[in-house]
Amino acid sequence: MAGKGEGGIQGYVCTPHDRQSDSLIESWKKSDNIVDIYFVTATFSDESVPYFPNKANHYILVSFRDMAGILEDIKKNNMDRLSFMFSFNSPLFERAGDKLNYVSLYFTKYTNGDLEIGDLANVIARREKVKKASLAQMQLLAAEQPKFTFPYSKNLVILEVEGEATHQTDQKYCERTRRDVARKGISLNNLVSFSILEKLK
């Protein structure tokens, strides 16, 4: 499945879970544009924290088919806290899975050539719990943009991990995956990880 689905750009939006979330969740549950809705805990890396001062602990993580409608939804409902949109540029690989447990986002500090991207895909594809890996870019949705601009928002890699184990186990699994990639000379830096607590749609 390519980053551009039928008629739109696919990806995830991540918006803080608070009192305003309920009406948004209800409308998203009815929307054909929304594939899945998850209640998640977010863990930001030390390196990324200064860029997102208004971050929350709990978010609604939503996968969508077309980014256009999502922007309108967020603007209508919840602009006082920072929301994140991750749009897929291109998938590295995808395989069938039963239960998404963990979504981990990384950034690279340089733009990789096609050869490195191929190496990245090959290394990650050997990690059987990783059900999908995609190149992506990030857009911040807020009434007021943070003071510091995150410089690597166009160089993201998203790993979607299946698991029945604890989130600590998933985190360690992703860290081992990151080290495997580093041995190929491609440095991935953790941006944020989402531990899925409950599937809402």
N, C-alpha and C. Protein backbone atom coordinates (compact mmCIF):
# COMPACT_ATOMS: atom_id res chain seq x y z
N MET A 1 0.85 -1.18 0.00
CA MET A 1 0.00 0.00 0.00
C MET A 1 0.89 1.24 0.00
N ALA A 2 0.74 2.10 -0.95
CA ALA A 2 1.62 3.26 -1.08
C ALA A 2 1.20 4.35 -0.12
N GLY A 3 2.10 5.34 0.06
CA GLY A 3 1.80 6.47 0.92
C GLY A 3 0.57 7.22 0.43
N LYS A 4 0.42 7.29 -0.88
CA LYS A 4 -0.80 7.90 -1.42
C LYS A 4 -1.81 6.80 -1.66
N GLY A 5 -2.88 6.80 -0.90
CA GLY A 5 -3.92 5.81 -1.10
C GLY A 5 -4.84 6.32 -2.20
N GLU A 6 -5.98 5.73 -2.30
CA GLU A 6 -6.92 6.19 -3.32
C GLU A 6 -7.36 7.60 -2.98
N GLY A 7 -6.82 8.55 -3.72
CA GLY A 7 -7.26 9.92 -3.56
C GLY A 7 -6.69 10.69 -2.39
N GLY A 8 -5.74 10.14 -1.64
CA GLY A 8 -5.24 10.93 -0.52
C GLY A 8 -3.94 10.41 0.05
N ILE A 9 -3.39 11.18 0.98
CA ILE A 9 -2.15 10.81 1.66
C ILE A 9 -2.50 10.13 2.97
N GLN A 10 -1.95 8.94 3.18
CA GLN A 10 -2.25 8.18 4.39
C GLN A 10 -1.28 8.51 5.51
N GLY A 11 -1.66 8.13 6.74
CA GLY A 11 -0.75 8.34 7.85
C GLY A 11 -1.46 8.22 9.19
N TYR A 12 -0.85 8.86 10.20
CA TYR A 12 -1.39 8.88 11.56
C TYR A 12 -1.55 10.32 12.02
N VAL A 13 -2.57 10.55 12.83
CA VAL A 13 -2.64 11.80 13.57
C VAL A 13 -2.69 11.43 15.04
N CYS A 14 -2.06 12.28 15.84
CA CYS A 14 -1.93 11.99 17.26
C CYS A 14 -2.35 13.25 18.00
N THR A 15 -3.47 13.17 18.71
CA THR A 15 -4.00 14.36 19.38
C THR A 15 -4.19 14.07 20.87
N PRO A 16 -3.93 15.05 21.74
CA PRO A 16 -4.00 14.78 23.19
C PRO A 16 -5.38 14.28 23.61
N HIS A 17 -5.36 13.37 24.57
CA HIS A 17 -6.61 12.83 25.11
C HIS A 17 -7.04 13.71 26.28
N ASP A 18 -8.16 14.41 26.12
CA ASP A 18 -8.68 15.22 27.22
C ASP A 18 -10.20 15.29 27.08
N ARG A 19 -10.82 16.20 27.82
CA ARG A 19 -12.29 16.26 27.84
C ARG A 19 -12.87 16.52 26.45
N GLN A 20 -12.11 17.25 25.63
CA GLN A 20 -12.61 17.59 24.29
C GLN A 20 -12.54 16.40 23.33
N SER A 21 -11.83 15.35 23.72
CA SER A 21 -11.58 14.25 22.79
C SER A 21 -12.82 13.43 22.47
N ASP A 22 -13.76 13.36 23.41
CA ASP A 22 -14.87 12.41 23.26
C ASP A 22 -15.68 12.65 21.98
N SER A 23 -16.01 13.92 21.70
CA SER A 23 -16.84 14.19 20.52
C SER A 23 -16.05 13.90 19.24
N LEU A 24 -14.74 14.16 19.30
CA LEU A 24 -13.88 13.89 18.15
C LEU A 24 -13.81 12.39 17.89
N ILE A 25 -13.65 11.63 18.96
CA ILE A 25 -13.57 10.16 18.82
C ILE A 25 -14.88 9.63 18.23
N GLU A 26 -15.99 10.13 18.74
CA GLU A 26 -17.30 9.64 18.25
C GLU A 26 -17.47 9.93 16.77
N SER A 27 -17.06 11.14 16.33
CA SER A 27 -17.22 11.46 14.91
C SER A 27 -16.26 10.62 14.07
N TRP A 28 -15.04 10.37 14.59
CA TRP A 28 -14.07 9.55 13.85
C TRP A 28 -14.51 8.09 13.75
N LYS A 29 -15.21 7.62 14.77
CA LYS A 29 -15.69 6.22 14.72
C LYS A 29 -16.64 6.00 13.54
N LYS A 30 -17.35 7.07 13.18
CA LYS A 30 -18.33 6.96 12.09
C LYS A 30 -17.73 7.26 10.73
N SER A 31 -16.49 7.73 10.70
CA SER A 31 -15.90 8.21 9.46
C SER A 31 -15.26 7.08 8.65
N ASP A 32 -15.56 7.04 7.36
CA ASP A 32 -14.93 6.06 6.46
C ASP A 32 -13.45 6.37 6.24
N ASN A 33 -13.07 7.62 6.50
CA ASN A 33 -11.68 8.02 6.30
C ASN A 33 -10.76 7.46 7.40
N ILE A 34 -11.35 7.10 8.55
CA ILE A 34 -10.55 6.63 9.69
C ILE A 34 -10.49 5.12 9.69
N VAL A 35 -9.27 4.59 9.72
CA VAL A 35 -9.09 3.14 9.70
C VAL A 35 -9.13 2.59 11.13
N ASP A 36 -8.26 3.11 12.00
CA ASP A 36 -8.17 2.63 13.38
C ASP A 36 -8.04 3.81 14.34
N ILE A 37 -8.54 3.62 15.56
CA ILE A 37 -8.37 4.62 16.63
C ILE A 37 -7.82 3.90 17.85
N TYR A 38 -6.74 4.45 18.43
CA TYR A 38 -6.11 3.84 19.60
C TYR A 38 -5.96 4.88 20.71
N PHE A 39 -6.11 4.41 21.95
CA PHE A 39 -5.76 5.21 23.13
C PHE A 39 -4.35 4.80 23.51
N VAL A 40 -3.41 5.76 23.58
CA VAL A 40 -1.99 5.41 23.74
C VAL A 40 -1.32 6.26 24.82
N THR A 41 -0.22 5.71 25.33
CA THR A 41 0.72 6.47 26.15
C THR A 41 1.91 6.83 25.28
N ALA A 42 2.36 8.07 25.37
CA ALA A 42 3.50 8.52 24.55
C ALA A 42 4.75 8.63 25.40
N THR A 43 5.87 8.18 24.85
CA THR A 43 7.18 8.36 25.50
C THR A 43 8.08 9.11 24.52
N PHE A 44 8.38 10.35 24.86
CA PHE A 44 9.24 11.18 24.00
C PHE A 44 10.70 10.97 24.40
N SER A 45 11.58 10.93 23.42
CA SER A 45 13.00 10.77 23.73
C SER A 45 13.54 12.07 24.32
N ASP A 46 14.63 11.96 25.10
CA ASP A 46 15.24 13.15 25.72
C ASP A 46 15.60 14.19 24.65
N GLU A 47 16.03 13.70 23.51
CA GLU A 47 16.47 14.60 22.44
C GLU A 47 15.29 15.40 21.86
N SER A 48 14.10 14.81 21.86
CA SER A 48 12.96 15.49 21.22
C SER A 48 12.17 16.37 22.18
N VAL A 49 12.30 16.15 23.49
CA VAL A 49 11.48 16.87 24.47
C VAL A 49 11.55 18.41 24.33
N PRO A 50 12.74 19.01 24.13
CA PRO A 50 12.79 20.48 24.06
C PRO A 50 11.96 21.07 22.91
N TYR A 51 11.71 20.28 21.88
CA TYR A 51 10.97 20.78 20.72
C TYR A 51 9.46 20.77 20.94
N PHE A 52 9.00 19.99 21.93
CA PHE A 52 7.55 19.82 22.12
C PHE A 52 7.18 20.12 23.57
N PRO A 53 7.29 21.40 23.97
CA PRO A 53 7.08 21.74 25.39
C PRO A 53 5.65 21.49 25.87
N ASN A 54 4.70 21.48 24.93
CA ASN A 54 3.29 21.37 25.32
C ASN A 54 2.77 19.94 25.13
N LYS A 55 3.66 18.97 25.23
CA LYS A 55 3.27 17.58 24.97
C LYS A 55 2.39 17.04 26.09
N ALA A 56 1.68 15.97 25.79
CA ALA A 56 0.82 15.31 26.79
C ALA A 56 1.37 13.91 27.05
N ASN A 57 0.78 13.21 28.01
CA ASN A 57 1.17 11.82 28.27
C ASN A 57 0.30 10.84 27.50
N HIS A 58 -0.99 11.16 27.41
CA HIS A 58 -1.92 10.27 26.73
C HIS A 58 -2.49 10.94 25.48
N TYR A 59 -2.55 10.14 24.42
CA TYR A 59 -3.02 10.65 23.14
C TYR A 59 -4.03 9.69 22.53
N ILE A 60 -4.78 10.22 21.57
CA ILE A 60 -5.56 9.39 20.67
C ILE A 60 -4.73 9.29 19.39
N LEU A 61 -4.39 8.08 19.00
CA LEU A 61 -3.61 7.84 17.79
C LEU A 61 -4.56 7.25 16.75
N VAL A 62 -4.63 7.91 15.60
CA VAL A 62 -5.63 7.57 14.60
C VAL A 62 -4.95 7.36 13.25
N SER A 63 -5.25 6.23 12.60
CA SER A 63 -4.72 6.05 11.24
C SER A 63 -5.81 6.44 10.24
N PHE A 64 -5.40 7.18 9.20
CA PHE A 64 -6.36 7.72 8.26
C PHE A 64 -5.97 7.39 6.82
N ARG A 65 -6.98 7.49 5.96
CA ARG A 65 -6.77 7.23 4.52
C ARG A 65 -6.41 8.50 3.75
N ASP A 66 -6.93 9.63 4.23
CA ASP A 66 -6.70 10.89 3.53
C ASP A 66 -6.53 12.02 4.54
N MET A 67 -5.39 12.67 4.45
CA MET A 67 -5.02 13.67 5.43
C MET A 67 -5.90 14.92 5.38
N ALA A 68 -6.46 15.25 4.23
CA ALA A 68 -7.18 16.53 4.06
C ALA A 68 -8.28 16.72 5.10
N GLY A 69 -9.15 15.74 5.28
CA GLY A 69 -10.26 15.88 6.21
C GLY A 69 -9.82 15.95 7.66
N ILE A 70 -8.68 15.33 7.98
CA ILE A 70 -8.18 15.28 9.35
C ILE A 70 -7.81 16.68 9.85
N LEU A 71 -7.18 17.46 8.99
CA LEU A 71 -6.77 18.81 9.39
C LEU A 71 -7.98 19.62 9.85
N GLU A 72 -9.07 19.50 9.11
CA GLU A 72 -10.30 20.22 9.47
C GLU A 72 -10.83 19.75 10.83
N ASP A 73 -10.83 18.43 11.04
CA ASP A 73 -11.33 17.87 12.30
C ASP A 73 -10.56 18.42 13.50
N ILE A 74 -9.24 18.44 13.37
CA ILE A 74 -8.40 18.89 14.48
C ILE A 74 -8.63 20.38 14.75
N LYS A 75 -8.68 21.16 13.68
CA LYS A 75 -8.87 22.61 13.85
C LYS A 75 -10.20 22.92 14.55
N LYS A 76 -11.22 22.13 14.22
CA LYS A 76 -12.54 22.37 14.81
C LYS A 76 -12.55 22.03 16.30
N ASN A 77 -11.77 21.04 16.69
CA ASN A 77 -11.93 20.48 18.03
C ASN A 77 -10.88 20.84 19.05
N ASN A 78 -9.62 20.86 18.66
CA ASN A 78 -8.63 20.77 19.73
C ASN A 78 -7.30 21.39 19.33
N MET A 79 -7.24 22.72 19.34
CA MET A 79 -5.98 23.35 18.93
C MET A 79 -5.20 23.93 20.11
N ASP A 80 -5.69 23.76 21.34
CA ASP A 80 -4.97 24.36 22.46
C ASP A 80 -3.76 23.53 22.87
N ARG A 81 -3.78 22.24 22.59
CA ARG A 81 -2.60 21.40 22.86
C ARG A 81 -2.03 20.93 21.53
N LEU A 82 -0.76 20.61 21.55
CA LEU A 82 -0.05 20.22 20.33
C LEU A 82 -0.53 18.86 19.82
N SER A 83 -0.90 18.80 18.55
CA SER A 83 -1.20 17.53 17.88
C SER A 83 -0.13 17.29 16.82
N PHE A 84 0.07 16.03 16.49
CA PHE A 84 1.08 15.66 15.51
C PHE A 84 0.42 14.93 14.35
N MET A 85 0.85 15.25 13.14
CA MET A 85 0.39 14.48 11.99
C MET A 85 1.60 13.86 11.31
N PHE A 86 1.53 12.56 11.09
CA PHE A 86 2.61 11.84 10.41
C PHE A 86 2.06 11.31 9.09
N SER A 87 2.53 11.88 7.98
CA SER A 87 2.03 11.42 6.68
C SER A 87 3.08 10.52 6.03
N PHE A 88 2.62 9.40 5.49
CA PHE A 88 3.54 8.43 4.87
C PHE A 88 4.03 8.95 3.52
N ASN A 89 5.35 8.92 3.34
CA ASN A 89 5.92 9.23 2.03
C ASN A 89 5.91 7.97 1.18
N SER A 90 6.46 6.90 1.75
CA SER A 90 6.45 5.62 1.02
C SER A 90 6.67 4.50 2.01
N PRO A 91 6.06 3.35 1.77
CA PRO A 91 6.24 2.21 2.66
C PRO A 91 7.55 1.52 2.32
N LEU A 92 8.24 1.03 3.35
CA LEU A 92 9.44 0.20 3.12
C LEU A 92 9.01 -1.24 2.93
N PHE A 93 8.09 -1.70 3.77
CA PHE A 93 7.46 -3.01 3.57
C PHE A 93 6.25 -3.10 4.49
N GLU A 94 5.40 -4.07 4.21
CA GLU A 94 4.21 -4.30 5.03
C GLU A 94 3.86 -5.77 4.96
N ARG A 95 3.48 -6.35 6.10
CA ARG A 95 2.99 -7.73 6.09
C ARG A 95 1.81 -7.84 7.04
N ALA A 96 1.06 -8.89 6.87
CA ALA A 96 -0.18 -9.05 7.66
C ALA A 96 0.15 -9.21 9.13
N GLY A 97 -0.69 -8.63 9.96
CA GLY A 97 -0.53 -8.78 11.41
C GLY A 97 -1.89 -8.83 12.08
N ASP A 98 -1.89 -9.28 13.33
CA ASP A 98 -3.15 -9.43 14.05
C ASP A 98 -3.44 -8.26 14.99
N LYS A 99 -2.40 -7.83 15.71
CA LYS A 99 -2.67 -6.86 16.77
C LYS A 99 -1.52 -5.88 16.89
N LEU A 100 -1.80 -4.63 16.56
CA LEU A 100 -0.79 -3.59 16.72
C LEU A 100 -0.65 -3.27 18.21
N ASN A 101 0.59 -3.26 18.69
CA ASN A 101 0.85 -3.08 20.11
C ASN A 101 1.65 -1.82 20.40
N TYR A 102 2.44 -1.40 19.42
CA TYR A 102 3.46 -0.38 19.68
C TYR A 102 3.81 0.31 18.37
N VAL A 103 3.90 1.63 18.39
CA VAL A 103 4.32 2.38 17.20
C VAL A 103 5.50 3.24 17.62
N SER A 104 6.62 3.06 16.93
CA SER A 104 7.84 3.78 17.30
C SER A 104 8.30 4.64 16.13
N LEU A 105 8.61 5.91 16.42
CA LEU A 105 9.05 6.83 15.37
C LEU A 105 10.50 7.22 15.58
N TYR A 106 11.22 7.22 14.48
CA TYR A 106 12.63 7.58 14.50
C TYR A 106 12.87 8.67 13.47
N PHE A 107 14.00 9.38 13.64
CA PHE A 107 14.40 10.35 12.62
C PHE A 107 15.87 10.13 12.27
N THR A 108 16.23 10.49 11.04
CA THR A 108 17.62 10.47 10.63
C THR A 108 18.07 11.91 10.48
N LYS A 109 19.35 12.15 10.71
CA LYS A 109 19.85 13.52 10.66
C LYS A 109 20.37 13.87 9.28
N TYR A 110 20.20 12.98 8.36
CA TYR A 110 20.62 13.27 6.99
C TYR A 110 19.62 12.59 6.07
N THR A 111 19.55 13.06 4.83
CA THR A 111 18.64 12.44 3.88
C THR A 111 19.35 11.27 3.23
N ASN A 112 18.74 10.11 3.32
CA ASN A 112 19.38 8.90 2.78
C ASN A 112 19.17 8.79 1.28
N GLY A 113 20.18 8.26 0.61
CA GLY A 113 20.00 7.91 -0.80
C GLY A 113 19.21 6.61 -0.91
N ASP A 114 18.85 6.25 -2.11
CA ASP A 114 18.03 5.05 -2.31
C ASP A 114 18.71 3.79 -1.82
N LEU A 115 20.04 3.73 -1.94
CA LEU A 115 20.77 2.54 -1.52
C LEU A 115 20.61 2.30 -0.02
N GLU A 116 20.76 3.40 0.77
CA GLU A 116 20.61 3.27 2.22
C GLU A 116 19.18 2.89 2.60
N ILE A 117 18.21 3.44 1.88
CA ILE A 117 16.81 3.12 2.16
C ILE A 117 16.56 1.63 1.92
N GLY A 118 17.16 1.10 0.84
CA GLY A 118 17.05 -0.34 0.56
C GLY A 118 17.65 -1.17 1.69
N ASP A 119 18.82 -0.74 2.17
CA ASP A 119 19.48 -1.44 3.29
C ASP A 119 18.60 -1.40 4.53
N LEU A 120 18.02 -0.22 4.78
CA LEU A 120 17.16 -0.03 5.94
C LEU A 120 15.97 -1.00 5.88
N ALA A 121 15.33 -1.05 4.71
CA ALA A 121 14.17 -1.93 4.54
C ALA A 121 14.56 -3.39 4.76
N ASN A 122 15.71 -3.80 4.22
CA ASN A 122 16.14 -5.20 4.35
C ASN A 122 16.41 -5.59 5.79
N VAL A 123 17.05 -4.69 6.54
CA VAL A 123 17.37 -4.99 7.95
C VAL A 123 16.09 -5.09 8.77
N ILE A 124 15.19 -4.10 8.58
CA ILE A 124 13.97 -4.08 9.40
C ILE A 124 13.06 -5.24 9.03
N ALA A 125 13.05 -5.64 7.76
CA ALA A 125 12.17 -6.73 7.32
C ALA A 125 12.52 -8.06 7.99
N ARG A 126 13.76 -8.18 8.47
CA ARG A 126 14.16 -9.42 9.17
C ARG A 126 13.57 -9.49 10.58
N ARG A 127 13.11 -8.37 11.07
CA ARG A 127 12.54 -8.31 12.43
C ARG A 127 11.06 -8.66 12.33
N GLU A 128 10.74 -9.90 12.68
CA GLU A 128 9.40 -10.40 12.32
C GLU A 128 8.24 -9.75 13.07
N LYS A 129 8.49 -9.13 14.22
CA LYS A 129 7.38 -8.46 14.91
C LYS A 129 7.03 -7.11 14.28
N VAL A 130 7.94 -6.57 13.47
CA VAL A 130 7.65 -5.31 12.79
C VAL A 130 6.74 -5.63 11.61
N LYS A 131 5.50 -5.17 11.69
CA LYS A 131 4.51 -5.49 10.65
C LYS A 131 4.52 -4.48 9.52
N LYS A 132 4.97 -3.27 9.80
CA LYS A 132 5.00 -2.26 8.75
C LYS A 132 6.08 -1.25 9.08
N ALA A 133 6.82 -0.84 8.06
CA ALA A 133 7.79 0.25 8.21
C ALA A 133 7.56 1.23 7.07
N SER A 134 7.53 2.51 7.39
CA SER A 134 7.23 3.54 6.39
C SER A 134 8.15 4.73 6.59
N LEU A 135 8.50 5.36 5.49
CA LEU A 135 9.12 6.68 5.55
C LEU A 135 8.00 7.70 5.70
N ALA A 136 8.23 8.72 6.51
CA ALA A 136 7.14 9.66 6.78
C ALA A 136 7.68 11.04 7.06
N GLN A 137 6.77 12.01 7.10
CA GLN A 137 7.14 13.33 7.58
C GLN A 137 6.11 13.82 8.59
N MET A 138 6.54 14.75 9.42
CA MET A 138 5.71 15.20 10.54
C MET A 138 5.29 16.65 10.34
N GLN A 139 4.05 16.90 10.71
CA GLN A 139 3.53 18.27 10.72
C GLN A 139 2.94 18.50 12.11
N LEU A 140 3.22 19.66 12.70
CA LEU A 140 2.67 19.98 14.02
C LEU A 140 1.41 20.82 13.84
N LEU A 141 0.37 20.46 14.58
CA LEU A 141 -0.90 21.19 14.52
C LEU A 141 -1.13 21.84 15.87
N ALA A 142 -1.05 23.16 15.90
CA ALA A 142 -1.25 23.88 17.16
C ALA A 142 -1.65 25.31 16.84
N ALA A 143 -2.37 25.93 17.80
CA ALA A 143 -2.75 27.33 17.62
C ALA A 143 -1.48 28.18 17.56
N GLU A 144 -0.49 27.77 18.36
CA GLU A 144 0.78 28.48 18.39
C GLU A 144 1.90 27.48 18.19
N GLN A 145 2.73 27.68 17.18
CA GLN A 145 3.81 26.73 16.90
C GLN A 145 4.88 26.83 18.00
N PRO A 146 5.52 25.69 18.35
CA PRO A 146 6.58 25.74 19.36
C PRO A 146 7.71 26.69 18.95
N LYS A 147 8.43 27.17 19.96
CA LYS A 147 9.49 28.16 19.74
C LYS A 147 10.61 27.59 18.85
N PHE A 148 10.97 26.34 19.10
CA PHE A 148 12.03 25.70 18.32
C PHE A 148 11.42 24.78 17.28
N THR A 149 11.88 24.87 16.06
CA THR A 149 11.37 24.00 15.00
C THR A 149 12.17 22.71 14.98
N PHE A 150 11.48 21.58 15.01
CA PHE A 150 12.18 20.30 14.94
C PHE A 150 12.78 20.16 13.55
N PRO A 151 14.14 20.01 13.45
CA PRO A 151 14.79 20.13 12.14
C PRO A 151 14.69 18.91 11.23
N TYR A 152 14.24 17.77 11.76
CA TYR A 152 14.28 16.54 10.95
C TYR A 152 12.90 16.00 10.65
N SER A 153 11.91 16.89 10.58
CA SER A 153 10.52 16.43 10.46
C SER A 153 10.23 15.75 9.13
N LYS A 154 11.10 15.94 8.13
CA LYS A 154 10.86 15.29 6.83
C LYS A 154 11.59 13.95 6.72
N ASN A 155 12.38 13.59 7.73
CA ASN A 155 13.22 12.37 7.66
C ASN A 155 12.80 11.34 8.70
N LEU A 156 11.54 10.98 8.72
CA LEU A 156 11.07 10.06 9.75
C LEU A 156 10.91 8.64 9.22
N VAL A 157 11.08 7.68 10.14
CA VAL A 157 10.79 6.26 9.87
C VAL A 157 9.83 5.81 10.95
N ILE A 158 8.70 5.21 10.55
CA ILE A 158 7.70 4.71 11.50
C ILE A 158 7.71 3.18 11.48
N LEU A 159 7.87 2.59 12.65
CA LEU A 159 7.77 1.13 12.78
C LEU A 159 6.48 0.79 13.52
N GLU A 160 5.71 -0.13 12.96
CA GLU A 160 4.48 -0.60 13.62
C GLU A 160 4.74 -2.04 14.06
N VAL A 161 4.64 -2.26 15.38
CA VAL A 161 5.08 -3.53 15.97
C VAL A 161 3.90 -4.28 16.55
N GLU A 162 3.87 -5.58 16.26
CA GLU A 162 2.84 -6.45 16.81
C GLU A 162 3.41 -7.15 18.02
N GLY A 163 2.61 -7.30 19.05
CA GLY A 163 3.13 -8.01 20.22
C GLY A 163 2.04 -8.30 21.22
N GLU A 164 2.29 -9.31 22.01
CA GLU A 164 1.40 -9.63 23.13
C GLU A 164 2.13 -9.37 24.44
N ALA A 165 3.39 -9.01 24.34
CA ALA A 165 4.22 -8.85 25.53
C ALA A 165 4.00 -7.46 26.15
N THR A 166 4.85 -7.11 27.12
CA THR A 166 4.72 -5.80 27.76
C THR A 166 5.27 -4.72 26.84
N HIS A 167 4.92 -3.50 27.14
CA HIS A 167 5.42 -2.40 26.32
C HIS A 167 6.92 -2.21 26.51
N GLN A 168 7.43 -2.58 27.69
CA GLN A 168 8.88 -2.51 27.89
C GLN A 168 9.59 -3.48 26.95
N THR A 169 8.98 -4.66 26.75
CA THR A 169 9.56 -5.65 25.83
C THR A 169 9.54 -5.12 24.41
N ASP A 170 8.42 -4.47 24.03
CA ASP A 170 8.32 -3.89 22.69
C ASP A 170 9.37 -2.80 22.50
N GLN A 171 9.56 -1.99 23.55
CA GLN A 171 10.54 -0.91 23.47
C GLN A 171 11.94 -1.48 23.25
N LYS A 172 12.26 -2.55 24.00
CA LYS A 172 13.59 -3.18 23.85
C LYS A 172 13.74 -3.80 22.46
N TYR A 173 12.67 -4.36 21.95
CA TYR A 173 12.69 -4.97 20.61
C TYR A 173 13.01 -3.90 19.56
N CYS A 174 12.35 -2.74 19.70
CA CYS A 174 12.61 -1.64 18.76
C CYS A 174 14.03 -1.12 18.90
N GLU A 175 14.53 -1.10 20.13
CA GLU A 175 15.90 -0.63 20.35
C GLU A 175 16.90 -1.59 19.69
N ARG A 176 16.63 -2.89 19.78
CA ARG A 176 17.52 -3.87 19.10
C ARG A 176 17.44 -3.69 17.58
N THR A 177 16.24 -3.41 17.08
CA THR A 177 16.07 -3.15 15.64
C THR A 177 16.88 -1.93 15.23
N ARG A 178 16.82 -0.89 16.05
CA ARG A 178 17.56 0.34 15.76
C ARG A 178 19.07 0.06 15.71
N ARG A 179 19.54 -0.78 16.66
CA ARG A 179 20.98 -1.12 16.68
C ARG A 179 21.38 -1.94 15.45
N ASP A 180 20.49 -2.84 15.02
CA ASP A 180 20.76 -3.62 13.80
C ASP A 180 20.94 -2.68 12.60
N VAL A 181 20.08 -1.67 12.53
CA VAL A 181 20.15 -0.70 11.43
C VAL A 181 21.45 0.11 11.53
N ALA A 182 21.82 0.47 12.76
CA ALA A 182 23.04 1.26 12.97
C ALA A 182 24.28 0.51 12.49
N ARG A 183 24.26 -0.82 12.64
CA ARG A 183 25.42 -1.61 12.18
C ARG A 183 25.60 -1.53 10.68
N LYS A 184 24.54 -1.16 9.98
CA LYS A 184 24.62 -0.95 8.52
C LYS A 184 25.06 0.47 8.19
N GLY A 185 25.36 1.25 9.24
CA GLY A 185 25.81 2.62 9.01
C GLY A 185 24.70 3.64 8.88
N ILE A 186 23.47 3.25 9.23
CA ILE A 186 22.34 4.20 9.14
C ILE A 186 21.88 4.50 10.57
N SER A 187 22.07 5.73 11.02
CA SER A 187 21.70 6.03 12.40
C SER A 187 20.26 6.49 12.47
N LEU A 188 19.49 5.78 13.30
CA LEU A 188 18.10 6.18 13.59
C LEU A 188 18.06 6.70 15.02
N ASN A 189 17.42 7.82 15.23
CA ASN A 189 17.29 8.41 16.56
C ASN A 189 15.82 8.37 16.96
N ASN A 190 15.56 7.91 18.17
CA ASN A 190 14.16 7.82 18.61
C ASN A 190 13.56 9.21 18.80
N LEU A 191 12.36 9.38 18.28
CA LEU A 191 11.62 10.64 18.44
C LEU A 191 10.55 10.46 19.52
N VAL A 192 9.64 9.52 19.28
CA VAL A 192 8.57 9.25 20.23
C VAL A 192 8.06 7.83 19.98
N SER A 193 7.59 7.20 21.05
CA SER A 193 6.99 5.87 20.92
C SER A 193 5.60 5.90 21.54
N PHE A 194 4.69 5.17 20.93
CA PHE A 194 3.32 5.09 21.44
C PHE A 194 3.00 3.66 21.86
N SER A 195 2.68 3.48 23.12
CA SER A 195 2.26 2.17 23.62
C SER A 195 0.73 2.14 23.59
N ILE A 196 0.20 1.16 22.88
CA ILE A 196 -1.25 1.11 22.72
C ILE A 196 -1.91 0.47 23.95
N LEU A 197 -2.81 1.22 24.56
CA LEU A 197 -3.51 0.76 25.77
C LEU A 197 -4.86 0.15 25.41
N GLU A 198 -5.51 0.72 24.39
CA GLU A 198 -6.86 0.25 24.05
C GLU A 198 -7.17 0.62 22.60
N LYS A 199 -7.83 -0.30 21.89
CA LYS A 199 -8.27 -0.02 20.53
C LYS A 199 -9.72 0.47 20.60
N LEU A 200 -9.97 1.65 20.07
CA LEU A 200 -11.30 2.26 20.17
C LEU A 200 -12.12 2.07 18.89
N LYS A 201 -11.43 1.79 17.79
CA LYS A 201 -12.14 1.46 16.54
C LYS A 201 -11.31 0.48 15.76
